[in-house]
Amino acid sequence: MKILFLELAEQELYDSQEYYEEQQTNLSNKFKSEVYNSLKRIQKFPNMFVKVKKDIRKCIINKFLFNILYSIEDDYILVIAIAHHHRYPDYWIDRIK
């Protein structure tokens, strides 16, 4: 199944990568790799992860304090947020219809 990102979720990913690159050399690549691995798990087993709101599921990214929040649509997976654990928990709720 194809994975698509909301524009805000994609921006969160880029902003997080930029932040990690400023913190330590190559940390951005490690973050990106863990996000990619999580997305592969979601793609392979989309129903495996816990529902947090209606049809929104949460996948915890290994080694980093982030979740991927997503929904399963008819023919694709929609990433709604790349959410840091310390952000207000439901800040992304307005992104869904």
PDB file of N, CA and C in Angstrom:
ATOM      1  N   MET A   1       0.841  -1.176   0.000  1.00  0.00           N
ATOM      2  CA  MET A   1       0.000   0.000   0.000  1.00  0.00           C
ATOM      3  C   MET A   1       0.893   1.249   0.000  1.00  0.00           C
ATOM      4  N   LYS A   2       0.499   2.224  -0.769  1.00  0.00           N
ATOM      5  CA  LYS A   2       1.256   3.466  -0.881  1.00  0.00           C
ATOM      6  C   LYS A   2       1.098   4.301   0.391  1.00  0.00           C
ATOM      7  N   ILE A   3       2.152   5.028   0.769  1.00  0.00           N
ATOM      8  CA  ILE A   3       2.100   5.917   1.932  1.00  0.00           C
ATOM      9  C   ILE A   3       2.170   7.364   1.456  1.00  0.00           C
ATOM     10  N   LEU A   4       1.191   8.151   1.910  1.00  0.00           N
ATOM     11  CA  LEU A   4       1.146   9.578   1.606  1.00  0.00           C
ATOM     12  C   LEU A   4       1.212  10.364   2.905  1.00  0.00           C
ATOM     13  N   PHE A   5       1.732  11.574   2.840  1.00  0.00           N
ATOM     14  CA  PHE A   5       1.864  12.440   4.010  1.00  0.00           C
ATOM     15  C   PHE A   5       0.985  13.671   3.847  1.00  0.00           C
ATOM     16  N   LEU A   6       0.330  14.067   4.924  1.00  0.00           N
ATOM     17  CA  LEU A   6      -0.232  15.411   4.940  1.00  0.00           C
ATOM     18  C   LEU A   6       0.940  16.379   4.891  1.00  0.00           C
ATOM     19  N   GLU A   7       0.734  17.540   4.343  1.00  0.00           N
ATOM     20  CA  GLU A   7       1.812  18.516   4.228  1.00  0.00           C
ATOM     21  C   GLU A   7       2.406  18.860   5.590  1.00  0.00           C
ATOM     22  N   LEU A   8       1.564  19.018   6.600  1.00  0.00           N
ATOM     23  CA  LEU A   8       2.060  19.347   7.944  1.00  0.00           C
ATOM     24  C   LEU A   8       2.888  18.208   8.540  1.00  0.00           C
ATOM     25  N   ALA A   9       2.499  16.979   8.275  1.00  0.00           N
ATOM     26  CA  ALA A   9       3.263  15.825   8.768  1.00  0.00           C
ATOM     27  C   ALA A   9       4.625  15.760   8.086  1.00  0.00           C
ATOM     28  N   GLU A  10       4.644  16.033   6.798  1.00  0.00           N
ATOM     29  CA  GLU A  10       5.911  16.048   6.074  1.00  0.00           C
ATOM     30  C   GLU A  10       6.830  17.147   6.609  1.00  0.00           C
ATOM     31  N   GLN A  11       6.252  18.292   6.926  1.00  0.00           N
ATOM     32  CA  GLN A  11       7.045  19.389   7.487  1.00  0.00           C
ATOM     33  C   GLN A  11       7.597  19.013   8.862  1.00  0.00           C
ATOM     34  N   GLU A  12       6.801  18.307   9.668  1.00  0.00           N
ATOM     35  CA  GLU A  12       7.280  17.849  10.978  1.00  0.00           C
ATOM     36  C   GLU A  12       8.477  16.918  10.820  1.00  0.00           C
ATOM     37  N   LEU A  13       8.420  16.055   9.819  1.00  0.00           N
ATOM     38  CA  LEU A  13       9.533  15.146   9.562  1.00  0.00           C
ATOM     39  C   LEU A  13      10.788  15.932   9.202  1.00  0.00           C
ATOM     40  N   TYR A  14      10.661  16.885   8.280  1.00  0.00           N
ATOM     41  CA  TYR A  14      11.823  17.688   7.874  1.00  0.00           C
ATOM     42  C   TYR A  14      12.366  18.525   9.031  1.00  0.00           C
ATOM     43  N   ASP A  15      11.462  19.121   9.808  1.00  0.00           N
ATOM     44  CA  ASP A  15      11.897  19.940  10.943  1.00  0.00           C
ATOM     45  C   ASP A  15      12.640  19.095  11.973  1.00  0.00           C
ATOM     46  N   SER A  16      12.164  17.899  12.216  1.00  0.00           N
ATOM     47  CA  SER A  16      12.808  17.012  13.189  1.00  0.00           C
ATOM     48  C   SER A  16      14.177  16.572  12.698  1.00  0.00           C
ATOM     49  N   GLN A  17      14.270  16.262  11.416  1.00  0.00           N
ATOM     50  CA  GLN A  17      15.564  15.886  10.846  1.00  0.00           C
ATOM     51  C   GLN A  17      16.557  17.042  10.987  1.00  0.00           C
ATOM     52  N   GLU A  18      16.107  18.224  10.701  1.00  0.00           N
ATOM     53  CA  GLU A  18      16.968  19.407  10.799  1.00  0.00           C
ATOM     54  C   GLU A  18      17.437  19.614  12.241  1.00  0.00           C
ATOM     55  N   TYR A  19      16.520  19.452  13.179  1.00  0.00           N
ATOM     56  CA  TYR A  19      16.860  19.603  14.592  1.00  0.00           C
ATOM     57  C   TYR A  19      17.944  18.584  14.986  1.00  0.00           C
ATOM     58  N   TYR A  20      17.747  17.318  14.609  1.00  0.00           N
ATOM     59  CA  TYR A  20      18.714  16.286  14.987  1.00  0.00           C
ATOM     60  C   TYR A  20      20.066  16.504  14.314  1.00  0.00           C
ATOM     61  N   GLU A  21      20.068  17.036  13.116  1.00  0.00           N
ATOM     62  CA  GLU A  21      21.336  17.315  12.442  1.00  0.00           C
ATOM     63  C   GLU A  21      22.109  18.397  13.180  1.00  0.00           C
ATOM     64  N   GLU A  22      21.401  19.360  13.747  1.00  0.00           N
ATOM     65  CA  GLU A  22      22.053  20.419  14.522  1.00  0.00           C
ATOM     66  C   GLU A  22      22.598  19.899  15.846  1.00  0.00           C
ATOM     67  N   GLN A  23      21.998  18.838  16.377  1.00  0.00           N
ATOM     68  CA  GLN A  23      22.405  18.312  17.671  1.00  0.00           C
ATOM     69  C   GLN A  23      23.663  17.469  17.600  1.00  0.00           C
ATOM     70  N   GLN A  24      23.745  16.653  16.546  1.00  0.00           N
ATOM     71  CA  GLN A  24      24.882  15.730  16.450  1.00  0.00           C
ATOM     72  C   GLN A  24      25.025  15.284  14.991  1.00  0.00           C
ATOM     73  N   THR A  25      26.229  15.222  14.511  1.00  0.00           N
ATOM     74  CA  THR A  25      26.480  14.770  13.148  1.00  0.00           C
ATOM     75  C   THR A  25      25.925  13.364  12.956  1.00  0.00           C
ATOM     76  N   ASN A  26      25.212  13.186  11.873  1.00  0.00           N
ATOM     77  CA  ASN A  26      24.652  11.897  11.468  1.00  0.00           C
ATOM     78  C   ASN A  26      23.418  11.470  12.271  1.00  0.00           C
ATOM     79  N   LEU A  27      23.033  12.189  13.302  1.00  0.00           N
ATOM     80  CA  LEU A  27      21.845  11.821  14.072  1.00  0.00           C
ATOM     81  C   LEU A  27      20.589  11.955  13.210  1.00  0.00           C
ATOM     82  N   SER A  28      20.593  12.902  12.311  1.00  0.00           N
ATOM     83  CA  SER A  28      19.474  13.079  11.388  1.00  0.00           C
ATOM     84  C   SER A  28      19.266  11.826  10.530  1.00  0.00           C
ATOM     85  N   ASN A  29      20.364  11.238  10.069  1.00  0.00           N
ATOM     86  CA  ASN A  29      20.262  10.018   9.259  1.00  0.00           C
ATOM     87  C   ASN A  29      19.727   8.849  10.065  1.00  0.00           C
ATOM     88  N   LYS A  30      20.121   8.770  11.325  1.00  0.00           N
ATOM     89  CA  LYS A  30      19.599   7.706  12.195  1.00  0.00           C
ATOM     90  C   LYS A  30      18.106   7.884  12.421  1.00  0.00           C
ATOM     91  N   PHE A  31      17.680   9.125  12.631  1.00  0.00           N
ATOM     92  CA  PHE A  31      16.253   9.415  12.801  1.00  0.00           C
ATOM     93  C   PHE A  31      15.483   9.036  11.539  1.00  0.00           C
ATOM     94  N   LYS A  32      15.985   9.478  10.400  1.00  0.00           N
ATOM     95  CA  LYS A  32      15.318   9.185   9.130  1.00  0.00           C
ATOM     96  C   LYS A  32      15.227   7.677   8.900  1.00  0.00           C
ATOM     97  N   SER A  33      16.262   6.958   9.242  1.00  0.00           N
ATOM     98  CA  SER A  33      16.266   5.502   9.094  1.00  0.00           C
ATOM     99  C   SER A  33      15.207   4.846   9.976  1.00  0.00           C
ATOM    100  N   GLU A  34      15.088   5.302  11.219  1.00  0.00           N
ATOM    101  CA  GLU A  34      14.079   4.741  12.123  1.00  0.00           C
ATOM    102  C   GLU A  34      12.665   5.077  11.650  1.00  0.00           C
ATOM    103  N   VAL A  35      12.469   6.279  11.123  1.00  0.00           N
ATOM    104  CA  VAL A  35      11.161   6.644  10.562  1.00  0.00           C
ATOM    105  C   VAL A  35      10.848   5.726   9.384  1.00  0.00           C
ATOM    106  N   TYR A  36      11.813   5.545   8.507  1.00  0.00           N
ATOM    107  CA  TYR A  36      11.633   4.683   7.340  1.00  0.00           C
ATOM    108  C   TYR A  36      11.292   3.251   7.761  1.00  0.00           C
ATOM    109  N   ASN A  37      12.009   2.721   8.749  1.00  0.00           N
ATOM    110  CA  ASN A  37      11.723   1.366   9.239  1.00  0.00           C
ATOM    111  C   ASN A  37      10.309   1.270   9.815  1.00  0.00           C
ATOM    112  N   SER A  38       9.892   2.305  10.529  1.00  0.00           N
ATOM    113  CA  SER A  38       8.538   2.327  11.083  1.00  0.00           C
ATOM    114  C   SER A  38       7.497   2.370   9.975  1.00  0.00           C
ATOM    115  N   LEU A  39       7.764   3.157   8.954  1.00  0.00           N
ATOM    116  CA  LEU A  39       6.830   3.237   7.824  1.00  0.00           C
ATOM    117  C   LEU A  39       6.735   1.899   7.089  1.00  0.00           C
ATOM    118  N   LYS A  40       7.845   1.185   6.989  1.00  0.00           N
ATOM    119  CA  LYS A  40       7.814  -0.147   6.368  1.00  0.00           C
ATOM    120  C   LYS A  40       6.959  -1.110   7.189  1.00  0.00           C
ATOM    121  N   ARG A  41       7.073  -1.027   8.530  1.00  0.00           N
ATOM    122  CA  ARG A  41       6.238  -1.877   9.392  1.00  0.00           C
ATOM    123  C   ARG A  41       4.760  -1.530   9.219  1.00  0.00           C
ATOM    124  N   ILE A  42       4.470  -0.246   9.164  1.00  0.00           N
ATOM    125  CA  ILE A  42       3.085   0.197   8.961  1.00  0.00           C
ATOM    126  C   ILE A  42       2.569  -0.318   7.629  1.00  0.00           C
ATOM    127  N   GLN A  43       3.381  -0.194   6.608  1.00  0.00           N
ATOM    128  CA  GLN A  43       2.984  -0.625   5.274  1.00  0.00           C
ATOM    129  C   GLN A  43       2.719  -2.134   5.234  1.00  0.00           C
ATOM    130  N   LYS A  44       3.535  -2.885   5.918  1.00  0.00           N
ATOM    131  CA  LYS A  44       3.407  -4.345   5.914  1.00  0.00           C
ATOM    132  C   LYS A  44       2.269  -4.827   6.811  1.00  0.00           C
ATOM    133  N   PHE A  45       2.091  -4.175   7.961  1.00  0.00           N
ATOM    134  CA  PHE A  45       1.079  -4.581   8.932  1.00  0.00           C
ATOM    135  C   PHE A  45       0.266  -3.367   9.387  1.00  0.00           C
ATOM    136  N   PRO A  46      -0.518  -2.760   8.518  1.00  0.00           N
ATOM    137  CA  PRO A  46      -1.189  -1.499   8.859  1.00  0.00           C
ATOM    138  C   PRO A  46      -2.162  -1.587  10.034  1.00  0.00           C
ATOM    139  N   ASN A  47      -2.757  -2.738  10.253  1.00  0.00           N
ATOM    140  CA  ASN A  47      -3.739  -2.885  11.341  1.00  0.00           C
ATOM    141  C   ASN A  47      -3.115  -3.305  12.666  1.00  0.00           C
ATOM    142  N   MET A  48      -1.816  -3.478  12.697  1.00  0.00           N
ATOM    143  CA  MET A  48      -1.139  -3.984  13.892  1.00  0.00           C
ATOM    144  C   MET A  48      -1.110  -2.966  15.029  1.00  0.00           C
ATOM    145  N   PHE A  49      -1.099  -1.696  14.714  1.00  0.00           N
ATOM    146  CA  PHE A  49      -0.875  -0.675  15.728  1.00  0.00           C
ATOM    147  C   PHE A  49      -2.180  -0.207  16.352  1.00  0.00           C
ATOM    148  N   VAL A  50      -2.073   0.289  17.565  1.00  0.00           N
ATOM    149  CA  VAL A  50      -3.233   0.648  18.377  1.00  0.00           C
ATOM    150  C   VAL A  50      -3.946   1.877  17.813  1.00  0.00           C
ATOM    151  N   LYS A  51      -5.274   1.842  17.896  1.00  0.00           N
ATOM    152  CA  LYS A  51      -6.075   3.010  17.516  1.00  0.00           C
ATOM    153  C   LYS A  51      -6.071   3.996  18.675  1.00  0.00           C
ATOM    154  N   VAL A  52      -5.876   5.275  18.347  1.00  0.00           N
ATOM    155  CA  VAL A  52      -5.872   6.304  19.383  1.00  0.00           C
ATOM    156  C   VAL A  52      -7.098   7.210  19.294  1.00  0.00           C
ATOM    157  N   LYS A  53      -7.643   7.374  18.128  1.00  0.00           N
ATOM    158  CA  LYS A  53      -8.857   8.160  17.889  1.00  0.00           C
ATOM    159  C   LYS A  53      -9.538   7.564  16.672  1.00  0.00           C
ATOM    160  N   LYS A  54     -10.804   7.292  16.765  1.00  0.00           N
ATOM    161  CA  LYS A  54     -11.563   6.740  15.634  1.00  0.00           C
ATOM    162  C   LYS A  54     -10.716   5.773  14.820  1.00  0.00           C
ATOM    163  N   ASP A  55     -10.359   6.178  13.606  1.00  0.00           N
ATOM    164  CA  ASP A  55      -9.581   5.314  12.718  1.00  0.00           C
ATOM    165  C   ASP A  55      -8.117   5.726  12.624  1.00  0.00           C
ATOM    166  N   ILE A  56      -7.625   6.458  13.601  1.00  0.00           N
ATOM    167  CA  ILE A  56      -6.237   6.906  13.615  1.00  0.00           C
ATOM    168  C   ILE A  56      -5.415   5.955  14.482  1.00  0.00           C
ATOM    169  N   ARG A  57      -4.319   5.506  13.929  1.00  0.00           N
ATOM    170  CA  ARG A  57      -3.436   4.580  14.635  1.00  0.00           C
ATOM    171  C   ARG A  57      -2.095   5.250  14.941  1.00  0.00           C
ATOM    172  N   LYS A  58      -1.395   4.662  15.912  1.00  0.00           N
ATOM    173  CA  LYS A  58      -0.127   5.227  16.371  1.00  0.00           C
ATOM    174  C   LYS A  58       0.956   4.157  16.331  1.00  0.00           C
ATOM    175  N   CYS A  59       2.063   4.500  15.688  1.00  0.00           N
ATOM    176  CA  CYS A  59       3.245   3.643  15.667  1.00  0.00           C
ATOM    177  C   CYS A  59       4.370   4.408  16.360  1.00  0.00           C
ATOM    178  N   ILE A  60       4.958   3.805  17.367  1.00  0.00           N
ATOM    179  CA  ILE A  60       6.064   4.431  18.088  1.00  0.00           C
ATOM    180  C   ILE A  60       7.355   4.199  17.307  1.00  0.00           C
ATOM    181  N   ILE A  61       8.090   5.266  17.074  1.00  0.00           N
ATOM    182  CA  ILE A  61       9.363   5.175  16.354  1.00  0.00           C
ATOM    183  C   ILE A  61      10.438   4.716  17.339  1.00  0.00           C
ATOM    184  N   ASN A  62      11.129   3.654  16.995  1.00  0.00           N
ATOM    185  CA  ASN A  62      12.183   3.128  17.860  1.00  0.00           C
ATOM    186  C   ASN A  62      13.308   4.137  18.050  1.00  0.00           C
ATOM    187  N   LYS A  63      13.849   4.182  19.264  1.00  0.00           N
ATOM    188  CA  LYS A  63      15.032   4.958  19.635  1.00  0.00           C
ATOM    189  C   LYS A  63      14.824   6.473  19.678  1.00  0.00           C
ATOM    190  N   PHE A  64      13.652   6.958  19.294  1.00  0.00           N
ATOM    191  CA  PHE A  64      13.363   8.389  19.305  1.00  0.00           C
ATOM    192  C   PHE A  64      11.994   8.599  19.946  1.00  0.00           C
ATOM    193  N   LEU A  65      11.807   9.750  20.549  1.00  0.00           N
ATOM    194  CA  LEU A  65      10.555  10.045  21.250  1.00  0.00           C
ATOM    195  C   LEU A  65       9.500  10.607  20.292  1.00  0.00           C
ATOM    196  N   PHE A  66       9.154   9.807  19.282  1.00  0.00           N
ATOM    197  CA  PHE A  66       8.185  10.217  18.277  1.00  0.00           C
ATOM    198  C   PHE A  66       7.207   9.094  17.982  1.00  0.00           C
ATOM    199  N   ASN A  67       6.013   9.508  17.564  1.00  0.00           N
ATOM    200  CA  ASN A  67       4.991   8.595  17.057  1.00  0.00           C
ATOM    201  C   ASN A  67       4.678   8.970  15.622  1.00  0.00           C
ATOM    202  N   ILE A  68       4.295   7.989  14.843  1.00  0.00           N
ATOM    203  CA  ILE A  68       3.695   8.245  13.543  1.00  0.00           C
ATOM    204  C   ILE A  68       2.207   8.002  13.711  1.00  0.00           C
ATOM    205  N   LEU A  69       1.405   9.021  13.452  1.00  0.00           N
ATOM    206  CA  LEU A  69      -0.045   8.899  13.510  1.00  0.00           C
ATOM    207  C   LEU A  69      -0.554   8.808  12.082  1.00  0.00           C
ATOM    208  N   TYR A  70      -1.378   7.807  11.816  1.00  0.00           N
ATOM    209  CA  TYR A  70      -1.792   7.556  10.441  1.00  0.00           C
ATOM    210  C   TYR A  70      -3.192   6.954  10.387  1.00  0.00           C
ATOM    211  N   SER A  71      -3.772   7.029   9.187  1.00  0.00           N
ATOM    212  CA  SER A  71      -5.054   6.365   8.949  1.00  0.00           C
ATOM    213  C   SER A  71      -4.903   5.456   7.735  1.00  0.00           C
ATOM    214  N   ILE A  72      -5.707   4.417   7.713  1.00  0.00           N
ATOM    215  CA  ILE A  72      -5.715   3.483   6.591  1.00  0.00           C
ATOM    216  C   ILE A  72      -6.887   3.865   5.697  1.00  0.00           C
ATOM    217  N   GLU A  73      -6.577   4.304   4.507  1.00  0.00           N
ATOM    218  CA  GLU A  73      -7.605   4.689   3.537  1.00  0.00           C
ATOM    219  C   GLU A  73      -7.841   3.512   2.589  1.00  0.00           C
ATOM    220  N   ASP A  74      -8.700   3.718   1.608  1.00  0.00           N
ATOM    221  CA  ASP A  74      -9.044   2.618   0.697  1.00  0.00           C
ATOM    222  C   ASP A  74      -7.830   2.013  -0.002  1.00  0.00           C
ATOM    223  N   ASP A  75      -6.972   2.839  -0.557  1.00  0.00           N
ATOM    224  CA  ASP A  75      -5.844   2.307  -1.306  1.00  0.00           C
ATOM    225  C   ASP A  75      -4.501   2.946  -0.938  1.00  0.00           C
ATOM    226  N   TYR A  76      -4.446   3.577   0.228  1.00  0.00           N
ATOM    227  CA  TYR A  76      -3.194   4.164   0.698  1.00  0.00           C
ATOM    228  C   TYR A  76      -3.245   4.370   2.209  1.00  0.00           C
ATOM    229  N   ILE A  77      -2.077   4.642   2.768  1.00  0.00           N
ATOM    230  CA  ILE A  77      -1.944   4.980   4.188  1.00  0.00           C
ATOM    231  C   ILE A  77      -1.611   6.468   4.249  1.00  0.00           C
ATOM    232  N   LEU A  78      -2.335   7.189   5.084  1.00  0.00           N
ATOM    233  CA  LEU A  78      -2.140   8.633   5.195  1.00  0.00           C
ATOM    234  C   LEU A  78      -1.471   8.965   6.524  1.00  0.00           C
ATOM    235  N   VAL A  79      -0.264   9.512   6.456  1.00  0.00           N
ATOM    236  CA  VAL A  79       0.449   9.947   7.662  1.00  0.00           C
ATOM    237  C   VAL A  79      -0.079  11.327   8.039  1.00  0.00           C
ATOM    238  N   ILE A  80      -0.623  11.414   9.243  1.00  0.00           N
ATOM    239  CA  ILE A  80      -1.252  12.641   9.729  1.00  0.00           C
ATOM    240  C   ILE A  80      -0.274  13.492  10.525  1.00  0.00           C
ATOM    241  N   ALA A  81       0.625  12.831  11.260  1.00  0.00           N
ATOM    242  CA  ALA A  81       1.579  13.579  12.089  1.00  0.00           C
ATOM    243  C   ALA A  81       2.799  12.723  12.405  1.00  0.00           C
ATOM    244  N   ILE A  82       3.925  13.403  12.543  1.00  0.00           N
ATOM    245  CA  ILE A  82       5.138  12.831  13.127  1.00  0.00           C
ATOM    246  C   ILE A  82       5.274  13.585  14.447  1.00  0.00           C
ATOM    247  N   ALA A  83       4.726  13.004  15.495  1.00  0.00           N
ATOM    248  CA  ALA A  83       4.492  13.728  16.747  1.00  0.00           C
ATOM    249  C   ALA A  83       5.503  13.366  17.827  1.00  0.00           C
ATOM    250  N   HIS A  84       6.143  14.375  18.376  1.00  0.00           N
ATOM    251  CA  HIS A  84       7.050  14.182  19.509  1.00  0.00           C
ATOM    252  C   HIS A  84       6.232  13.853  20.749  1.00  0.00           C
ATOM    253  N   HIS A  85       6.737  12.959  21.575  1.00  0.00           N
ATOM    254  CA  HIS A  85       6.006  12.525  22.772  1.00  0.00           C
ATOM    255  C   HIS A  85       5.720  13.658  23.753  1.00  0.00           C
ATOM    256  N   HIS A  86       6.515  14.704  23.741  1.00  0.00           N
ATOM    257  CA  HIS A  86       6.330  15.785  24.719  1.00  0.00           C
ATOM    258  C   HIS A  86       5.448  16.914  24.221  1.00  0.00           C
ATOM    259  N   ARG A  87       4.941  16.811  22.996  1.00  0.00           N
ATOM    260  CA  ARG A  87       4.001  17.821  22.506  1.00  0.00           C
ATOM    261  C   ARG A  87       2.630  17.557  23.098  1.00  0.00           C
ATOM    262  N   TYR A  88       1.786  18.569  23.063  1.00  0.00           N
ATOM    263  CA  TYR A  88       0.406  18.395  23.490  1.00  0.00           C
ATOM    264  C   TYR A  88      -0.156  17.184  22.744  1.00  0.00           C
ATOM    265  N   PRO A  89      -0.724  16.204  23.445  1.00  0.00           N
ATOM    266  CA  PRO A  89      -1.068  14.918  22.844  1.00  0.00           C
ATOM    267  C   PRO A  89      -1.959  14.960  21.595  1.00  0.00           C
ATOM    268  N   ASP A  90      -2.957  15.790  21.577  1.00  0.00           N
ATOM    269  CA  ASP A  90      -3.907  15.779  20.449  1.00  0.00           C
ATOM    270  C   ASP A  90      -3.805  17.014  19.564  1.00  0.00           C
ATOM    271  N   TYR A  91      -2.623  17.611  19.482  1.00  0.00           N
ATOM    272  CA  TYR A  91      -2.476  18.829  18.687  1.00  0.00           C
ATOM    273  C   TYR A  91      -2.836  18.607  17.224  1.00  0.00           C
ATOM    274  N   TRP A  92      -2.721  17.406  16.733  1.00  0.00           N
ATOM    275  CA  TRP A  92      -2.933  17.063  15.327  1.00  0.00           C
ATOM    276  C   TRP A  92      -4.395  16.766  14.991  1.00  0.00           C
ATOM    277  N   ILE A  93      -5.269  16.739  15.980  1.00  0.00           N
ATOM    278  CA  ILE A  93      -6.650  16.284  15.794  1.00  0.00           C
ATOM    279  C   ILE A  93      -7.405  17.105  14.732  1.00  0.00           C
ATOM    280  N   ASP A  94      -7.085  18.381  14.600  1.00  0.00           N
ATOM    281  CA  ASP A  94      -7.754  19.214  13.599  1.00  0.00           C
ATOM    282  C   ASP A  94      -7.365  18.856  12.168  1.00  0.00           C
ATOM    283  N   ARG A  95      -6.384  18.015  12.000  1.00  0.00           N
ATOM    284  CA  ARG A  95      -5.934  17.631  10.656  1.00  0.00           C
ATOM    285  C   ARG A  95      -6.830  16.572  10.031  1.00  0.00           C
ATOM    286  N   ILE A  96      -7.657  15.929  10.851  1.00  0.00           N
ATOM    287  CA  ILE A  96      -8.529  14.876  10.307  1.00  0.00           C
ATOM    288  C   ILE A  96      -9.945  15.412  10.161  1.00  0.00           C
ATOM    289  N   LYS A  97     -10.675  14.800   9.265  1.00  0.00           N
ATOM    290  CA  LYS A  97     -12.061  15.250   9.003  1.00  0.00           C
ATOM    291  C   LYS A  97     -13.057  14.464   9.794  1.00  0.00           C
TER     292      LYS A  97
END
